[in-house]
C-alpha atoms as a PDB file:
ATOM      1  CA  MET A   1      32.146   8.529 -10.944  1.00  0.00           C
ATOM      2  CA  PRO A   2      28.587   9.507  -9.879  1.00  0.00           C
ATOM      3  CA  GLY A   3      26.309   6.552  -9.385  1.00  0.00           C
ATOM      4  CA  GLU A   4      29.155   4.130  -8.640  1.00  0.00           C
ATOM      5  CA  SER A   5      29.500   2.549  -5.253  1.00  0.00           C
ATOM      6  CA  GLY A   6      32.736   2.736  -3.423  1.00  0.00           C
ATOM      7  CA  PRO A   7      34.034   2.730   0.113  1.00  0.00           C
ATOM      8  CA  GLY A   8      31.849   4.998   2.204  1.00  0.00           C
ATOM      9  CA  SER A   9      29.298   5.591  -0.554  1.00  0.00           C
ATOM     10  CA  ASN A  10      26.010   4.063  -1.591  1.00  0.00           C
ATOM     11  CA  GLU A  11      24.835   2.999  -5.045  1.00  0.00           C
ATOM     12  CA  ARG A  12      23.981   6.638  -5.783  1.00  0.00           C
ATOM     13  CA  GLY A  13      27.548   7.745  -5.061  1.00  0.00           C
ATOM     14  CA  LEU A  14      26.445   9.687  -1.983  1.00  0.00           C
ATOM     15  CA  ALA A  15      28.473   9.680   1.199  1.00  0.00           C
ATOM     16  CA  LEU A  16      27.140   6.976   3.458  1.00  0.00           C
ATOM     17  CA  ARG A  17      28.314   6.541   6.998  1.00  0.00           C
ATOM     18  CA  GLU A  18      29.072   2.908   7.809  1.00  0.00           C
ATOM     19  CA  CYS A  19      27.135   2.446  11.051  1.00  0.00           C
ATOM     20  CA  GLN A  20      28.292   0.068  13.748  1.00  0.00           C
ATOM     21  CA  SER A  21      25.024  -0.125  15.686  1.00  0.00           C
ATOM     22  CA  LEU A  22      21.297   0.411  15.428  1.00  0.00           C
ATOM     23  CA  ALA A  23      21.745   3.579  17.495  1.00  0.00           C
ATOM     24  CA  GLU A  24      24.120   4.974  14.863  1.00  0.00           C
ATOM     25  CA  VAL A  25      21.674   4.080  12.082  1.00  0.00           C
ATOM     26  CA  ARG A  26      18.923   5.897  13.968  1.00  0.00           C
ATOM     27  CA  GLU A  27      21.154   8.938  14.536  1.00  0.00           C
ATOM     28  CA  SER A  28      21.815   9.094  10.794  1.00  0.00           C
ATOM     29  CA  ILE A  29      18.120   8.761   9.990  1.00  0.00           C
ATOM     30  CA  ASP A  30      17.307  11.476  12.540  1.00  0.00           C
ATOM     31  CA  ALA A  31      19.791  13.816  10.829  1.00  0.00           C
ATOM     32  CA  ILE A  32      18.159  13.137   7.463  1.00  0.00           C
ATOM     33  CA  ASP A  33      14.719  13.719   9.009  1.00  0.00           C
ATOM     34  CA  ARG A  34      15.854  17.144  10.254  1.00  0.00           C
ATOM     35  CA  GLU A  35      16.860  18.047   6.700  1.00  0.00           C
ATOM     36  CA  ILE A  36      13.608  16.708   5.255  1.00  0.00           C
ATOM     37  CA  VAL A  37      11.491  18.703   7.714  1.00  0.00           C
ATOM     38  CA  GLY A  38      13.422  21.855   6.849  1.00  0.00           C
ATOM     39  CA  LEU A  39      12.820  21.226   3.157  1.00  0.00           C
ATOM     40  CA  LEU A  40       9.118  20.566   3.821  1.00  0.00           C
ATOM     41  CA  ALA A  41       8.878  23.897   5.627  1.00  0.00           C
ATOM     42  CA  GLN A  42      10.534  25.612   2.680  1.00  0.00           C
ATOM     43  CA  ARG A  43       8.212  23.831   0.229  1.00  0.00           C
ATOM     44  CA  GLY A  44       5.247  24.889   2.365  1.00  0.00           C
ATOM     45  CA  ASP A  45       6.341  28.518   2.131  1.00  0.00           C
ATOM     46  CA  TYR A  46       6.266  28.264  -1.667  1.00  0.00           C
ATOM     47  CA  VAL A  47       2.891  26.514  -1.561  1.00  0.00           C
ATOM     48  CA  ARG A  48       1.519  29.465   0.441  1.00  0.00           C
ATOM     49  CA  GLN A  49       2.942  31.847  -2.148  1.00  0.00           C
ATOM     50  CA  ALA A  50       1.363  29.841  -4.964  1.00  0.00           C
ATOM     51  CA  ALA A  51      -2.021  30.008  -3.230  1.00  0.00           C
ATOM     52  CA  VAL A  52      -2.030  33.779  -3.706  1.00  0.00           C
ATOM     53  CA  PHE A  53      -2.115  33.305  -7.481  1.00  0.00           C
ATOM     54  CA  LYS A  54      -4.876  30.697  -7.530  1.00  0.00           C
ATOM     55  CA  GLN A  55      -8.405  31.944  -8.132  1.00  0.00           C
ATOM     56  CA  THR A  56     -10.540  28.772  -7.899  1.00  0.00           C
ATOM     57  CA  THR A  57     -10.602  25.549  -5.929  1.00  0.00           C
ATOM     58  CA  GLU A  58      -9.770  23.748  -9.178  1.00  0.00           C
ATOM     59  CA  ASP A  59      -6.640  25.920  -9.414  1.00  0.00           C
ATOM     60  CA  VAL A  60      -5.735  24.776  -5.900  1.00  0.00           C
ATOM     61  CA  LYS A  61      -6.350  21.092  -6.602  1.00  0.00           C
ATOM     62  CA  ALA A  62      -4.532  21.284  -9.980  1.00  0.00           C
ATOM     63  CA  PRO A  63      -4.760  17.576 -10.853  1.00  0.00           C
ATOM     64  CA  GLN A  64      -2.647  17.987 -13.996  1.00  0.00           C
ATOM     65  CA  ARG A  65       0.120  19.616 -11.956  1.00  0.00           C
ATOM     66  CA  VAL A  66      -0.062  16.817  -9.370  1.00  0.00           C
ATOM     67  CA  GLU A  67       0.389  14.187 -12.074  1.00  0.00           C
ATOM     68  CA  ALA A  68       3.267  16.136 -13.638  1.00  0.00           C
ATOM     69  CA  VAL A  69       5.020  16.363 -10.258  1.00  0.00           C
ATOM     70  CA  VAL A  70       4.476  12.654  -9.577  1.00  0.00           C
ATOM     71  CA  LYS A  71       5.892  11.731 -12.981  1.00  0.00           C
ATOM     72  CA  LYS A  72       8.907  13.987 -12.390  1.00  0.00           C
ATOM     73  CA  VAL A  73       9.701  12.565  -8.942  1.00  0.00           C
ATOM     74  CA  ARG A  74       9.260   8.969 -10.103  1.00  0.00           C
ATOM     75  CA  ASN A  75      11.876   9.667 -12.779  1.00  0.00           C
ATOM     76  CA  LEU A  76      14.134  11.330 -10.215  1.00  0.00           C
ATOM     77  CA  ALA A  77      13.690   8.327  -7.923  1.00  0.00           C
ATOM     78  CA  SER A  78      14.769   5.966 -10.691  1.00  0.00           C
ATOM     79  CA  GLU A  79      17.797   8.125 -11.493  1.00  0.00           C
ATOM     80  CA  ARG A  80      18.813   8.340  -7.823  1.00  0.00           C
ATOM     81  CA  GLY A  81      18.315   4.698  -6.922  1.00  0.00           C
ATOM     82  CA  ALA A  82      15.179   5.194  -4.821  1.00  0.00           C
ATOM     83  CA  GLU A  83      12.048   3.085  -5.161  1.00  0.00           C
ATOM     84  CA  PRO A  84       9.703   5.006  -7.504  1.00  0.00           C
ATOM     85  CA  GLU A  85       6.581   3.511  -5.871  1.00  0.00           C
ATOM     86  CA  VAL A  86       7.666   4.647  -2.412  1.00  0.00           C
ATOM     87  CA  VAL A  87       8.551   8.116  -3.647  1.00  0.00           C
ATOM     88  CA  GLU A  88       5.213   8.391  -5.447  1.00  0.00           C
ATOM     89  CA  ARG A  89       3.257   7.402  -2.328  1.00  0.00           C
ATOM     90  CA  VAL A  90       5.179   9.880  -0.178  1.00  0.00           C
ATOM     91  CA  TYR A  91       4.671  12.672  -2.703  1.00  0.00           C
ATOM     92  CA  ARG A  92       0.975  11.979  -3.158  1.00  0.00           C
ATOM     93  CA  GLU A  93       0.452  12.148   0.608  1.00  0.00           C
ATOM     94  CA  MET A  94       2.557  15.298   0.923  1.00  0.00           C
ATOM     95  CA  ILE A  95       0.756  17.003  -1.962  1.00  0.00           C
ATOM     96  CA  SER A  96      -2.606  16.008  -0.511  1.00  0.00           C
ATOM     97  CA  ALA A  97      -1.684  17.607   2.817  1.00  0.00           C
ATOM     98  CA  PHE A  98      -0.464  20.792   1.145  1.00  0.00           C
ATOM     99  CA  VAL A  99      -3.604  20.971  -1.024  1.00  0.00           C
ATOM    100  CA  ALA A 100      -5.759  20.640   2.106  1.00  0.00           C
ATOM    101  CA  GLN A 101      -3.787  23.481   3.695  1.00  0.00           C
ATOM    102  CA  GLU A 102      -4.168  25.573   0.531  1.00  0.00           C
ATOM    103  CA  MET A 103      -7.907  24.861   0.441  1.00  0.00           C
ATOM    104  CA  GLN A 104      -8.234  26.251   3.983  1.00  0.00           C
ATOM    105  CA  GLU A 105      -6.317  29.373   2.955  1.00  0.00           C
ATOM    106  CA  HIS A 106      -8.367  29.663  -0.218  1.00  0.00           C
ATOM    107  CA  SER A 107     -11.619  29.401   1.796  1.00  0.00           C
ATOM    108  CA  LYS A 108     -10.443  32.164   4.136  1.00  0.00           C
ATOM    109  CA  LYS A 109      -9.498  34.323   1.169  1.00  0.00           C
ATOM    110  CA  ALA A 110     -12.898  33.721  -0.466  1.00  0.00           C
ATOM    111  CA  GLY A 111     -14.604  34.633   2.800  1.00  0.00           C
ATOM    112  CA  ASP A 112     -12.718  37.928   2.959  1.00  0.00           C
ATOM    113  CA  GLU A 113     -13.910  38.974  -0.501  1.00  0.00           C
END
């Protein structure tokens, strides 16, 4: 049943390798990091696409959208057994970095017009 722990799974019901050493733990974390970076690259591609549709710096900053995303991921964190505060901090930093990137693109676009 999803969400139940069992042999080889965590409290979220996801497959979890039982590591026998710190090196194995680090290998597992490194594999997750590779996936996360790939997903960040994909998210960044969509952020660049979104920038095309934004007309003003306020559209780029979109504080209401930021708060909606943060609320959504905090709920997802709770559902998935992650710490909502940690997830919120990570997302706020990530969004801030993407907004800064979008602002640079937006400035270039404004300069071309």
